[in-house]
N, C-alpha and C. Protein backbone atom coordinates (compact mmCIF):
# COMPACT_ATOMS: atom_id res chain seq x y z
N MET A 1 -30.44 49.74 -87.26
CA MET A 1 -29.82 48.36 -87.71
C MET A 1 -29.35 48.10 -89.42
N ILE A 2 -28.09 47.37 -89.27
CA ILE A 2 -27.68 47.45 -90.75
C ILE A 2 -27.92 45.87 -91.05
N GLU A 3 -28.65 45.97 -92.22
CA GLU A 3 -29.01 44.59 -92.95
C GLU A 3 -28.14 44.18 -93.35
N PRO A 4 -27.83 42.68 -93.65
CA PRO A 4 -26.90 42.17 -94.76
C PRO A 4 -27.52 42.30 -95.78
N ALA A 5 -26.52 42.65 -96.83
CA ALA A 5 -26.71 42.64 -98.27
C ALA A 5 -26.89 41.41 -98.77
N TYR A 6 -26.39 40.36 -98.12
CA TYR A 6 -26.09 38.86 -98.57
C TYR A 6 -26.09 38.06 -97.42
N GLN A 7 -27.16 36.79 -97.44
CA GLN A 7 -27.19 36.07 -96.25
C GLN A 7 -27.53 34.74 -96.48
N SER A 8 -27.18 33.49 -96.22
CA SER A 8 -27.29 31.95 -96.51
C SER A 8 -26.95 31.48 -94.82
N SER A 9 -27.14 30.05 -94.77
CA SER A 9 -26.89 29.53 -93.91
C SER A 9 -25.48 29.63 -93.45
N LYS A 10 -24.45 29.79 -93.99
CA LYS A 10 -22.96 29.77 -94.02
C LYS A 10 -22.26 31.20 -94.10
N VAL A 11 -23.04 32.14 -94.89
CA VAL A 11 -22.62 33.33 -95.16
C VAL A 11 -23.46 34.34 -94.23
N THR A 12 -22.82 35.61 -94.06
CA THR A 12 -23.46 37.19 -94.11
C THR A 12 -22.64 37.98 -94.12
N LEU A 13 -23.19 38.78 -95.14
CA LEU A 13 -22.16 39.71 -95.68
C LEU A 13 -23.07 41.43 -95.74
N TYR A 14 -22.04 42.42 -95.32
CA TYR A 14 -22.40 43.56 -95.20
C TYR A 14 -21.63 44.47 -95.86
N CYS A 15 -22.37 45.20 -96.87
CA CYS A 15 -21.59 46.37 -97.63
C CYS A 15 -21.91 47.66 -96.59
N ALA A 16 -20.94 47.93 -95.64
CA ALA A 16 -21.10 49.10 -94.71
C ALA A 16 -19.85 49.29 -94.07
N ASP A 17 -19.89 50.35 -93.14
CA ASP A 17 -18.86 50.44 -92.17
C ASP A 17 -18.86 49.64 -90.98
N CYS A 18 -17.90 49.08 -91.07
CA CYS A 18 -17.50 48.12 -89.92
C CYS A 18 -18.03 48.55 -88.52
N LEU A 19 -17.81 50.03 -88.09
CA LEU A 19 -18.26 50.35 -86.83
C LEU A 19 -19.58 50.41 -86.58
N ASP A 20 -20.56 50.56 -87.79
CA ASP A 20 -21.59 50.66 -87.79
C ASP A 20 -22.31 49.19 -87.44
N VAL A 21 -21.58 48.13 -87.90
CA VAL A 21 -22.29 46.68 -87.74
C VAL A 21 -21.70 46.06 -86.86
N LEU A 22 -20.40 45.99 -86.28
CA LEU A 22 -19.85 45.42 -85.18
C LEU A 22 -20.72 45.63 -83.98
N PRO A 23 -21.16 46.84 -83.58
CA PRO A 23 -21.92 47.01 -82.22
C PRO A 23 -23.40 45.97 -82.30
N GLN A 24 -23.57 45.88 -83.49
CA GLN A 24 -24.77 45.12 -83.29
C GLN A 24 -24.82 43.75 -83.29
N LEU A 25 -23.49 43.10 -83.37
CA LEU A 25 -23.27 41.55 -83.35
C LEU A 25 -23.36 41.30 -81.94
N GLU A 26 -23.84 40.24 -81.38
CA GLU A 26 -23.93 39.57 -80.14
C GLU A 26 -22.67 39.50 -79.41
N PRO A 27 -22.29 39.92 -78.31
CA PRO A 27 -20.93 39.34 -77.81
C PRO A 27 -20.60 38.40 -77.53
N GLY A 28 -19.25 37.94 -77.79
CA GLY A 28 -19.11 36.40 -77.90
C GLY A 28 -19.54 35.44 -78.97
N SER A 29 -20.13 36.06 -79.75
CA SER A 29 -20.89 35.16 -80.92
C SER A 29 -20.06 34.68 -82.18
N VAL A 30 -19.00 35.15 -82.19
CA VAL A 30 -17.98 34.95 -83.11
C VAL A 30 -16.94 33.97 -82.74
N ASP A 31 -16.08 32.94 -83.27
CA ASP A 31 -15.03 32.26 -82.75
C ASP A 31 -13.86 33.20 -83.05
N ALA A 32 -13.80 33.73 -84.23
CA ALA A 32 -12.33 34.18 -84.42
C ALA A 32 -12.55 35.41 -85.58
N VAL A 33 -11.70 36.53 -85.38
CA VAL A 33 -11.85 37.74 -86.34
C VAL A 33 -10.47 37.67 -87.05
N VAL A 34 -10.61 37.41 -88.43
CA VAL A 34 -9.55 36.95 -89.04
C VAL A 34 -9.50 38.23 -90.10
N THR A 35 -8.81 39.36 -90.19
CA THR A 35 -8.68 40.45 -91.12
C THR A 35 -7.23 40.95 -91.38
N ASP A 36 -7.48 41.69 -92.37
CA ASP A 36 -6.44 42.32 -92.95
C ASP A 36 -6.49 43.87 -93.24
N PRO A 37 -6.48 44.51 -92.00
CA PRO A 37 -6.85 46.13 -91.72
C PRO A 37 -6.15 47.24 -92.86
N PRO A 38 -7.04 48.16 -92.93
CA PRO A 38 -5.93 49.33 -93.47
C PRO A 38 -5.56 49.86 -92.24
N TYR A 39 -4.07 50.38 -92.52
CA TYR A 39 -3.56 51.30 -91.56
C TYR A 39 -3.76 52.87 -91.41
N GLY A 40 -4.18 53.45 -92.16
CA GLY A 40 -4.45 54.92 -92.45
C GLY A 40 -3.02 55.39 -92.81
N THR A 41 -2.18 54.95 -93.93
CA THR A 41 -1.02 55.08 -93.82
C THR A 41 -1.08 55.79 -95.31
N ASP A 42 -2.07 56.55 -95.94
CA ASP A 42 -2.08 57.05 -97.02
C ASP A 42 -1.50 56.56 -98.41
N LYS A 43 -0.98 55.24 -98.39
CA LYS A 43 -0.29 54.66 -99.34
C LYS A 43 -1.35 54.12 -100.54
N ALA A 44 -2.53 54.06 -100.22
CA ALA A 44 -3.40 54.33 -101.25
C ALA A 44 -4.86 54.56 -100.95
N ALA A 45 -5.45 54.80 -102.05
CA ALA A 45 -7.01 55.33 -101.62
C ALA A 45 -7.75 54.78 -100.34
N TRP A 46 -7.69 53.30 -100.53
CA TRP A 46 -8.49 52.06 -99.62
C TRP A 46 -7.74 52.62 -98.57
N ASP A 47 -6.55 52.78 -98.21
CA ASP A 47 -5.73 52.95 -96.94
C ASP A 47 -5.93 53.90 -95.92
N ALA A 48 -6.71 54.98 -96.55
CA ALA A 48 -6.65 56.10 -95.83
C ALA A 48 -7.69 56.31 -94.63
N TYR A 49 -8.46 55.32 -94.55
CA TYR A 49 -9.33 55.20 -93.47
C TYR A 49 -9.35 54.23 -92.58
N PHE A 50 -8.90 54.64 -91.50
CA PHE A 50 -8.69 53.49 -90.59
C PHE A 50 -9.18 53.65 -89.00
N PRO A 51 -10.62 53.11 -89.03
CA PRO A 51 -11.57 53.11 -87.79
C PRO A 51 -10.64 52.20 -86.65
N ARG A 52 -9.65 52.93 -85.71
CA ARG A 52 -9.15 52.25 -84.82
C ARG A 52 -10.00 51.38 -83.37
N ASP A 53 -11.36 51.92 -83.68
CA ASP A 53 -12.16 51.38 -82.52
C ASP A 53 -12.51 50.15 -83.19
N TRP A 54 -12.35 49.56 -84.04
CA TRP A 54 -12.89 48.53 -84.54
C TRP A 54 -12.02 47.44 -83.95
N PHE A 55 -10.86 47.50 -83.36
CA PHE A 55 -10.15 46.61 -82.34
C PHE A 55 -10.64 46.12 -81.11
N TYR A 56 -11.26 47.35 -80.77
CA TYR A 56 -12.21 47.25 -79.24
C TYR A 56 -13.57 46.23 -79.42
N TRP A 57 -14.34 46.65 -80.75
CA TRP A 57 -15.06 45.79 -80.91
C TRP A 57 -15.07 44.30 -81.29
N ALA A 58 -13.70 44.31 -81.78
CA ALA A 58 -13.32 42.88 -82.49
C ALA A 58 -13.26 41.69 -80.96
N GLY A 59 -12.71 42.59 -79.88
CA GLY A 59 -12.52 41.65 -78.31
C GLY A 59 -13.77 41.88 -77.89
N ILE A 60 -14.82 42.22 -78.08
CA ILE A 60 -16.25 42.17 -77.62
C ILE A 60 -16.75 41.02 -78.22
N VAL A 61 -17.05 40.52 -79.47
CA VAL A 61 -17.74 39.85 -80.27
C VAL A 61 -16.74 38.50 -80.54
N SER A 62 -15.54 38.56 -80.52
CA SER A 62 -14.68 37.59 -80.47
C SER A 62 -13.75 37.20 -79.35
N ARG A 63 -13.42 35.79 -79.15
CA ARG A 63 -12.51 35.77 -78.36
C ARG A 63 -10.92 35.96 -78.73
N MET A 64 -10.96 35.56 -80.18
CA MET A 64 -9.47 35.69 -80.50
C MET A 64 -9.69 36.71 -81.98
N THR A 65 -8.66 37.80 -81.99
CA THR A 65 -8.37 38.24 -83.34
C THR A 65 -7.20 38.05 -83.90
N ILE A 66 -6.90 37.88 -85.39
CA ILE A 66 -5.73 37.37 -85.81
C ILE A 66 -5.82 38.59 -86.89
N ILE A 67 -4.59 39.43 -86.75
CA ILE A 67 -4.59 40.62 -87.65
C ILE A 67 -3.59 40.50 -88.96
N ILE A 68 -3.56 40.14 -90.03
CA ILE A 68 -2.81 40.01 -91.04
C ILE A 68 -1.95 41.10 -91.30
N THR A 69 -0.78 41.04 -91.32
CA THR A 69 0.09 42.19 -92.10
C THR A 69 1.46 42.04 -92.69
N GLY A 70 1.86 42.40 -93.50
CA GLY A 70 3.05 42.32 -94.29
C GLY A 70 4.35 42.41 -93.29
N SER A 71 5.59 42.05 -93.66
CA SER A 71 6.47 42.39 -92.57
C SER A 71 6.96 43.69 -92.04
N GLN A 72 6.53 45.05 -92.99
CA GLN A 72 6.65 46.14 -92.51
C GLN A 72 5.34 46.76 -91.80
N GLY A 73 4.40 45.56 -91.66
CA GLY A 73 3.11 46.32 -91.11
C GLY A 73 2.93 46.05 -89.75
N LEU A 74 4.29 45.30 -89.03
CA LEU A 74 4.29 44.53 -87.71
C LEU A 74 4.29 46.27 -86.77
N GLU A 75 4.86 47.49 -87.31
CA GLU A 75 5.35 48.37 -86.57
C GLU A 75 4.04 48.98 -86.33
N ASP A 76 2.66 48.81 -86.83
CA ASP A 76 1.66 49.45 -86.66
C ASP A 76 0.76 48.55 -86.27
N THR A 77 0.93 47.11 -85.90
CA THR A 77 0.06 46.60 -85.36
C THR A 77 0.17 46.17 -83.96
N VAL A 78 1.51 45.82 -83.73
CA VAL A 78 1.92 45.71 -82.49
C VAL A 78 1.40 46.54 -81.43
N PRO A 79 1.79 48.00 -81.80
CA PRO A 79 0.91 48.83 -81.07
C PRO A 79 -0.27 48.91 -80.64
N LEU A 80 -1.20 48.60 -81.75
CA LEU A 80 -2.36 48.60 -81.70
C LEU A 80 -3.10 47.33 -80.75
N VAL A 81 -2.53 46.40 -80.76
CA VAL A 81 -2.77 45.30 -79.94
C VAL A 81 -2.40 45.60 -78.48
N GLY A 82 -1.22 46.12 -78.13
CA GLY A 82 -1.04 46.43 -76.74
C GLY A 82 -0.76 45.04 -75.92
N ASN A 83 -1.34 45.33 -74.94
CA ASN A 83 -1.30 44.04 -73.94
C ASN A 83 -2.07 42.82 -74.18
N GLN A 84 -2.85 42.98 -75.36
CA GLN A 84 -3.47 41.99 -75.76
C GLN A 84 -2.79 40.88 -76.54
N PHE A 85 -1.51 41.42 -77.03
CA PHE A 85 -0.54 40.63 -77.59
C PHE A 85 -0.45 39.45 -77.42
N VAL A 86 -0.52 37.96 -77.83
CA VAL A 86 -0.50 36.94 -77.51
C VAL A 86 0.67 36.12 -78.47
N ASP A 87 0.76 36.42 -79.74
CA ASP A 87 1.71 35.58 -80.71
C ASP A 87 1.65 36.33 -81.82
N VAL A 88 2.70 35.67 -82.84
CA VAL A 88 2.84 36.12 -84.26
C VAL A 88 3.16 34.66 -84.86
N ILE A 89 2.19 34.41 -86.09
CA ILE A 89 2.60 33.16 -87.12
C ILE A 89 3.02 34.04 -88.05
N ALA A 90 4.24 33.64 -88.67
CA ALA A 90 5.21 33.87 -89.56
C ALA A 90 4.64 32.63 -90.83
N ALA A 91 4.52 33.50 -92.05
CA ALA A 91 4.47 32.22 -93.25
C ALA A 91 5.15 33.04 -94.28
N ARG A 92 5.62 32.01 -95.04
CA ARG A 92 6.84 32.27 -95.83
C ARG A 92 6.64 32.06 -97.34
N ASN A 93 6.43 33.08 -98.05
CA ASN A 93 6.18 32.65 -99.50
C ASN A 93 6.87 32.38 -100.52
N SER A 94 7.01 31.02 -100.96
CA SER A 94 8.39 30.50 -101.57
C SER A 94 8.52 30.78 -102.89
N ASN A 95 7.72 31.37 -103.35
CA ASN A 95 7.87 31.95 -104.73
C ASN A 95 7.50 33.53 -104.82
N GLY A 96 7.54 34.36 -103.67
CA GLY A 96 7.29 35.81 -103.47
C GLY A 96 8.49 36.57 -103.82
N MET A 97 8.21 37.48 -104.56
CA MET A 97 9.46 38.64 -104.98
C MET A 97 9.25 39.97 -104.69
N THR A 98 8.31 40.25 -103.54
CA THR A 98 8.16 41.79 -103.45
C THR A 98 9.01 42.33 -102.88
N ARG A 99 9.90 43.21 -103.29
CA ARG A 99 10.46 44.21 -103.04
C ARG A 99 10.43 45.12 -101.48
N GLY A 100 11.35 45.11 -100.75
CA GLY A 100 11.82 45.58 -99.34
C GLY A 100 12.48 46.74 -99.15
N PRO A 101 12.82 47.28 -98.08
CA PRO A 101 13.99 48.22 -98.18
C PRO A 101 15.45 47.70 -97.87
N ILE A 102 15.34 46.50 -97.58
CA ILE A 102 16.82 45.94 -97.54
C ILE A 102 16.67 44.44 -98.44
N GLY A 103 15.75 44.24 -98.82
CA GLY A 103 15.71 43.03 -99.75
C GLY A 103 14.58 42.40 -99.99
N TYR A 104 14.17 41.32 -100.36
CA TYR A 104 12.66 40.73 -100.83
C TYR A 104 11.96 40.29 -99.92
N ASN A 105 10.74 41.13 -99.35
CA ASN A 105 10.22 40.48 -98.45
C ASN A 105 9.14 39.41 -98.87
N ASN A 106 9.44 38.25 -98.65
CA ASN A 106 8.65 37.37 -99.22
C ASN A 106 7.72 36.49 -97.81
N TRP A 107 7.55 37.30 -96.81
CA TRP A 107 6.55 36.57 -95.73
C TRP A 107 5.80 37.56 -95.19
N LEU A 108 4.63 36.99 -94.70
CA LEU A 108 3.45 37.42 -93.89
C LEU A 108 3.71 37.38 -92.13
N ALA A 109 3.14 38.16 -91.84
CA ALA A 109 2.60 37.51 -90.40
C ALA A 109 1.66 37.81 -90.00
N ALA A 110 1.03 36.91 -89.04
CA ALA A 110 -0.41 37.12 -88.61
C ALA A 110 -0.44 37.22 -86.80
N VAL A 111 -0.88 38.63 -86.36
CA VAL A 111 -0.37 38.83 -85.16
C VAL A 111 -1.75 38.33 -84.13
N ILE A 112 -1.86 37.42 -83.27
CA ILE A 112 -2.84 37.09 -82.75
C ILE A 112 -2.88 37.63 -81.23
N ALA A 113 -4.04 38.17 -81.08
CA ALA A 113 -4.41 38.67 -79.83
C ALA A 113 -5.38 38.53 -78.82
N PHE A 114 -5.81 38.68 -77.91
CA PHE A 114 -6.83 38.54 -77.08
C PHE A 114 -6.65 36.93 -76.31
N ALA A 115 -6.32 36.00 -77.27
CA ALA A 115 -6.64 34.63 -76.53
C ALA A 115 -5.69 33.75 -77.60
N LYS A 116 -5.28 32.67 -77.08
CA LYS A 116 -4.30 31.69 -78.30
C LYS A 116 -5.31 31.16 -78.98
N PRO A 117 -5.07 30.10 -79.89
CA PRO A 117 -6.00 29.48 -80.91
C PRO A 117 -6.56 28.50 -79.90
N LYS A 118 -8.07 28.24 -80.04
CA LYS A 118 -8.91 26.86 -79.41
C LYS A 118 -7.85 25.22 -79.73
N LYS A 119 -7.21 25.46 -81.05
CA LYS A 119 -6.68 24.03 -81.18
C LYS A 119 -5.32 24.16 -81.40
N ASP A 120 -4.54 23.04 -81.16
CA ASP A 120 -3.03 22.82 -81.13
C ASP A 120 -2.42 23.15 -82.62
N ASN A 121 -1.64 24.71 -82.85
CA ASN A 121 -1.66 24.74 -83.91
C ASN A 121 0.09 24.71 -84.31
N GLY A 122 0.82 23.76 -83.72
CA GLY A 122 2.11 23.20 -83.88
C GLY A 122 2.72 24.41 -83.82
N TRP A 123 3.68 24.53 -85.19
CA TRP A 123 4.66 25.52 -85.42
C TRP A 123 4.02 26.99 -85.60
N ASN A 124 4.53 27.74 -85.19
CA ASN A 124 4.14 29.64 -85.22
C ASN A 124 4.81 29.76 -86.51
N PHE A 125 5.08 28.87 -87.86
CA PHE A 125 5.51 29.43 -88.99
C PHE A 125 4.93 27.98 -89.84
N PHE A 126 4.83 28.77 -90.94
CA PHE A 126 4.28 27.90 -92.07
C PHE A 126 5.03 28.24 -93.62
N GLU A 127 5.03 27.51 -94.67
CA GLU A 127 4.99 28.21 -96.12
C GLU A 127 3.98 27.78 -96.84
N PHE A 128 4.09 28.55 -98.09
CA PHE A 128 3.09 28.36 -98.88
C PHE A 128 3.48 28.99 -100.35
N ALA A 129 2.89 28.72 -101.40
CA ALA A 129 3.37 29.14 -102.66
C ALA A 129 2.24 29.50 -103.34
N VAL A 130 2.22 30.86 -104.11
CA VAL A 130 0.99 31.42 -104.67
C VAL A 130 0.84 30.61 -105.98
N ARG A 131 -0.27 29.81 -106.56
CA ARG A 131 -0.67 28.98 -107.75
C ARG A 131 -1.58 29.84 -108.50
N GLY A 132 -2.39 30.53 -107.89
CA GLY A 132 -3.91 30.73 -108.53
C GLY A 132 -3.90 32.07 -108.85
N ASP A 133 -4.50 32.56 -109.40
CA ASP A 133 -4.95 34.27 -109.82
C ASP A 133 -5.40 34.99 -108.53
N MET A 134 -4.43 36.06 -108.45
CA MET A 134 -4.85 37.17 -107.29
C MET A 134 -6.20 37.82 -107.78
N PRO A 135 -7.15 38.00 -106.78
CA PRO A 135 -8.25 38.76 -107.06
C PRO A 135 -7.67 40.44 -106.97
N GLU A 136 -8.92 41.16 -107.70
CA GLU A 136 -8.68 42.59 -108.11
C GLU A 136 -8.77 43.50 -106.95
N HIS A 137 -7.54 44.09 -106.24
CA HIS A 137 -7.56 44.55 -104.91
C HIS A 137 -6.24 45.02 -104.81
N PRO A 138 -6.08 46.30 -104.49
CA PRO A 138 -4.59 46.88 -104.31
C PRO A 138 -3.77 46.11 -103.19
N SER A 139 -4.29 45.44 -102.69
CA SER A 139 -3.40 44.52 -101.57
C SER A 139 -4.09 43.17 -101.45
N PRO A 140 -4.26 42.33 -102.29
CA PRO A 140 -4.86 41.14 -102.06
C PRO A 140 -3.88 40.04 -101.21
N LYS A 141 -4.83 39.11 -100.45
CA LYS A 141 -3.65 38.13 -99.96
C LYS A 141 -3.83 36.66 -100.46
N PRO A 142 -2.84 36.06 -100.95
CA PRO A 142 -3.34 35.03 -101.92
C PRO A 142 -4.02 33.83 -101.10
N ILE A 143 -5.02 32.82 -101.71
CA ILE A 143 -5.94 32.16 -101.25
C ILE A 143 -5.38 30.82 -100.65
N GLU A 144 -3.97 30.70 -101.27
CA GLU A 144 -3.07 29.70 -100.40
C GLU A 144 -2.48 29.87 -99.16
N TYR A 145 -2.46 31.13 -99.04
CA TYR A 145 -1.87 31.57 -97.35
C TYR A 145 -3.20 31.46 -96.72
N MET A 146 -4.36 32.09 -96.94
CA MET A 146 -5.71 32.52 -96.14
C MET A 146 -6.10 30.87 -95.91
N LEU A 147 -5.80 30.10 -96.75
CA LEU A 147 -6.48 28.49 -96.61
C LEU A 147 -5.76 27.90 -94.98
N LYS A 148 -4.26 28.07 -95.44
CA LYS A 148 -3.53 27.64 -94.55
C LYS A 148 -3.70 28.36 -93.16
N LEU A 149 -3.81 29.67 -93.02
CA LEU A 149 -4.14 30.31 -91.65
C LEU A 149 -5.16 30.17 -91.18
N ILE A 150 -6.28 29.88 -91.85
CA ILE A 150 -7.50 29.56 -91.35
C ILE A 150 -7.53 28.39 -90.55
N GLU A 151 -6.78 27.20 -91.55
CA GLU A 151 -6.78 25.70 -90.91
C GLU A 151 -6.20 25.67 -89.46
N ARG A 152 -4.91 26.48 -89.61
CA ARG A 152 -3.98 26.34 -88.66
C ARG A 152 -4.57 27.07 -87.35
N THR A 153 -5.68 27.71 -87.27
CA THR A 153 -6.10 28.77 -86.26
C THR A 153 -7.29 28.43 -85.73
N THR A 154 -8.13 28.07 -86.45
CA THR A 154 -9.56 27.75 -86.22
C THR A 154 -9.95 26.34 -86.56
N ASN A 155 -11.07 26.03 -86.18
CA ASN A 155 -11.79 24.46 -86.30
C ASN A 155 -12.86 24.38 -87.20
N ASP A 156 -13.02 23.36 -87.66
CA ASP A 156 -14.30 23.07 -88.67
C ASP A 156 -15.67 23.48 -88.01
N GLY A 157 -16.38 24.20 -89.00
CA GLY A 157 -17.60 24.45 -88.23
C GLY A 157 -17.49 26.27 -87.47
N ASP A 158 -16.47 26.35 -86.98
CA ASP A 158 -16.30 27.78 -86.53
C ASP A 158 -17.15 28.94 -87.13
N LEU A 159 -17.09 30.15 -86.77
CA LEU A 159 -17.93 31.34 -87.52
C LEU A 159 -16.93 32.11 -87.42
N ILE A 160 -16.08 32.59 -88.49
CA ILE A 160 -14.91 33.53 -88.53
C ILE A 160 -15.83 34.83 -89.19
N LEU A 161 -14.77 35.74 -88.83
CA LEU A 161 -15.64 37.08 -88.92
C LEU A 161 -14.25 38.51 -89.73
N ASP A 162 -14.64 38.89 -91.10
CA ASP A 162 -13.52 39.64 -90.98
C ASP A 162 -14.05 41.27 -91.29
N PRO A 163 -14.02 42.09 -90.51
CA PRO A 163 -14.67 43.49 -90.63
C PRO A 163 -14.07 44.12 -91.88
N PHE A 164 -12.84 44.00 -92.52
CA PHE A 164 -12.14 44.82 -93.65
C PHE A 164 -11.99 43.75 -95.05
N MET A 165 -13.48 43.16 -95.34
CA MET A 165 -13.31 42.22 -96.22
C MET A 165 -12.42 42.35 -97.65
N GLY A 166 -12.59 43.34 -97.84
CA GLY A 166 -11.97 43.72 -99.26
C GLY A 166 -12.45 42.71 -100.24
N SER A 167 -11.61 41.89 -101.18
CA SER A 167 -12.08 41.28 -102.53
C SER A 167 -12.59 40.00 -101.85
N GLY A 168 -12.70 39.62 -100.47
CA GLY A 168 -13.35 38.42 -99.91
C GLY A 168 -12.67 36.97 -100.05
N THR A 169 -11.11 37.10 -99.78
CA THR A 169 -10.45 35.90 -99.67
C THR A 169 -10.85 35.37 -98.62
N THR A 170 -11.01 35.89 -97.47
CA THR A 170 -11.10 35.29 -96.18
C THR A 170 -12.30 34.46 -96.01
N GLY A 171 -13.66 35.01 -96.62
CA GLY A 171 -14.72 34.14 -96.97
C GLY A 171 -14.41 33.04 -97.90
N VAL A 172 -13.89 33.26 -98.72
CA VAL A 172 -13.62 32.06 -99.91
C VAL A 172 -12.83 30.71 -99.01
N ALA A 173 -11.64 31.14 -98.34
CA ALA A 173 -11.07 30.30 -97.60
C ALA A 173 -11.95 29.68 -96.66
N CYS A 174 -12.94 30.38 -95.91
CA CYS A 174 -14.08 29.62 -94.90
C CYS A 174 -14.70 28.61 -95.81
N MET A 175 -15.06 29.12 -96.67
CA MET A 175 -15.92 27.95 -97.63
C MET A 175 -15.25 26.76 -97.81
N GLN A 176 -13.92 27.13 -98.17
CA GLN A 176 -13.26 25.99 -98.54
C GLN A 176 -12.73 24.89 -97.50
N THR A 177 -12.85 25.49 -96.48
CA THR A 177 -12.46 24.68 -95.16
C THR A 177 -13.60 24.56 -94.05
N GLY A 178 -14.77 24.69 -94.63
CA GLY A 178 -15.74 24.15 -93.86
C GLY A 178 -16.14 25.28 -92.69
N ARG A 179 -15.84 26.32 -92.44
CA ARG A 179 -16.10 27.30 -91.67
C ARG A 179 -17.41 28.17 -92.08
N LYS A 180 -17.78 29.10 -91.16
CA LYS A 180 -18.81 30.05 -91.58
C LYS A 180 -18.27 31.25 -91.40
N PHE A 181 -19.15 32.30 -92.24
CA PHE A 181 -18.05 33.57 -92.47
C PHE A 181 -19.16 34.69 -92.31
N ILE A 182 -18.80 35.88 -91.41
CA ILE A 182 -19.52 37.31 -91.57
C ILE A 182 -18.70 38.01 -92.28
N GLY A 183 -18.88 38.92 -93.41
CA GLY A 183 -17.94 39.85 -93.99
C GLY A 183 -18.24 41.30 -93.99
N ILE A 184 -17.61 42.34 -93.91
CA ILE A 184 -18.20 43.64 -93.79
C ILE A 184 -16.69 44.26 -94.76
N GLU A 185 -17.50 44.98 -95.86
CA GLU A 185 -16.70 45.88 -96.66
C GLU A 185 -17.29 47.22 -97.01
N ILE A 186 -16.79 48.38 -96.74
CA ILE A 186 -17.38 49.69 -96.73
C ILE A 186 -17.51 50.08 -98.42
N ASP A 187 -16.14 49.58 -99.34
CA ASP A 187 -16.31 50.08 -100.65
C ASP A 187 -17.30 49.23 -101.58
N PRO A 188 -18.27 49.74 -102.37
CA PRO A 188 -19.18 49.20 -102.93
C PRO A 188 -18.48 48.12 -104.04
N THR A 189 -17.46 48.95 -104.78
CA THR A 189 -16.99 47.84 -105.71
C THR A 189 -16.24 46.57 -105.29
N TYR A 190 -15.41 46.98 -104.13
CA TYR A 190 -14.39 45.66 -103.87
C TYR A 190 -15.84 44.50 -103.10
N TYR A 191 -16.86 45.29 -102.53
CA TYR A 191 -17.78 44.39 -101.91
C TYR A 191 -18.67 43.43 -102.84
N ALA A 192 -18.91 44.18 -104.31
CA ALA A 192 -19.44 43.25 -105.05
C ALA A 192 -18.31 42.08 -105.70
N ILE A 193 -17.25 42.43 -105.93
CA ILE A 193 -16.03 41.24 -105.95
C ILE A 193 -15.98 40.55 -104.97
N ALA A 194 -16.43 40.83 -103.73
CA ALA A 194 -16.03 39.56 -102.68
C ALA A 194 -17.46 38.98 -102.43
N GLU A 195 -18.67 39.74 -102.87
CA GLU A 195 -19.68 38.82 -102.69
C GLU A 195 -19.82 37.72 -104.09
N LYS A 196 -19.11 38.12 -105.20
CA LYS A 196 -19.59 37.39 -106.07
C LYS A 196 -18.50 35.85 -106.07
N ARG A 197 -17.08 36.23 -105.14
CA ARG A 197 -16.15 35.34 -105.20
C ARG A 197 -16.73 34.36 -104.32
N ILE A 198 -17.36 35.07 -103.35
CA ILE A 198 -17.78 33.92 -102.05
C ILE A 198 -19.00 33.17 -102.16
N LYS A 199 -19.82 33.67 -103.04
CA LYS A 199 -21.16 33.01 -103.55
C LYS A 199 -20.45 31.54 -104.51
N GLN A 200 -19.35 31.92 -105.19
CA GLN A 200 -19.39 31.01 -106.01
C GLN A 200 -18.28 29.81 -104.95
N ALA A 201 -17.65 30.20 -104.24
CA ALA A 201 -17.15 29.41 -103.23
C ALA A 201 -18.00 28.53 -102.47
N GLU A 202 -19.24 29.10 -102.20
CA GLU A 202 -20.22 28.59 -101.31
C GLU A 202 -21.10 27.66 -102.29
N ALA A 203 -21.44 27.74 -103.51
CA ALA A 203 -21.83 27.15 -104.60
C ALA A 203 -21.19 25.85 -104.72
N GLN A 204 -19.83 25.99 -104.66
CA GLN A 204 -19.18 24.69 -104.99
C GLN A 204 -19.22 23.98 -104.07
N LEU A 205 -19.22 24.50 -102.68
CA LEU A 205 -19.36 23.83 -101.61
C LEU A 205 -20.32 22.76 -101.43
N LEU A 206 -21.68 23.56 -101.69
CA LEU A 206 -22.73 22.71 -101.86
C LEU A 206 -22.96 21.48 -102.46
N LEU A 207 -22.23 21.79 -103.91
CA LEU A 207 -22.05 21.01 -104.77
C LEU A 207 -21.32 19.64 -104.73
N GLY A 208 -20.38 20.18 -103.84
CA GLY A 208 -19.12 18.94 -103.52
C GLY A 208 -18.08 18.83 -104.24
N ILE A 209 -17.82 20.26 -105.21
CA ILE A 209 -16.65 20.06 -105.78
C ILE A 209 -15.50 20.40 -105.02
């Protein structure tokens, strides 16, 4: 049994391999999996490890899985979800300037699998602008994006799981939007960053800041 490295009434964090933790979670105990997984493309050291079985376990512990990807990552994500594909929510970064093969890639995609969101999420498109500092990570997701995605697809009080927590942005967004959070990160360095950020967001929530 893998024990949490940190636990409170709203947060449970593991510094471990997600394939060691996911099987010990109760089936159907999570409202949604929201994650930005590695794809094993060897573009960075952290990206080389991609346990494909995580998607199977995501479907066991949760009714809905949302996989965040850049525009070029769809070629990896859509085959992964297969016939569990439901929809894609696209988001445009209005001040993004990331260069792609044929121009600037200033949008992100969230592939929804297994089941549609429980709430009416309106358009499957939204815009955001990066205004805050980005956390220390090779591929961080802006908090502005995560806040909108979490609010668009989940309800207040829902339990959200991120098996590839990275620097913890999903967890921070959950604290700021009234959700509960389970995070798993295998790298001790990024786990430490995530725990610090999520604890700070949790403290601000308790203080009503």
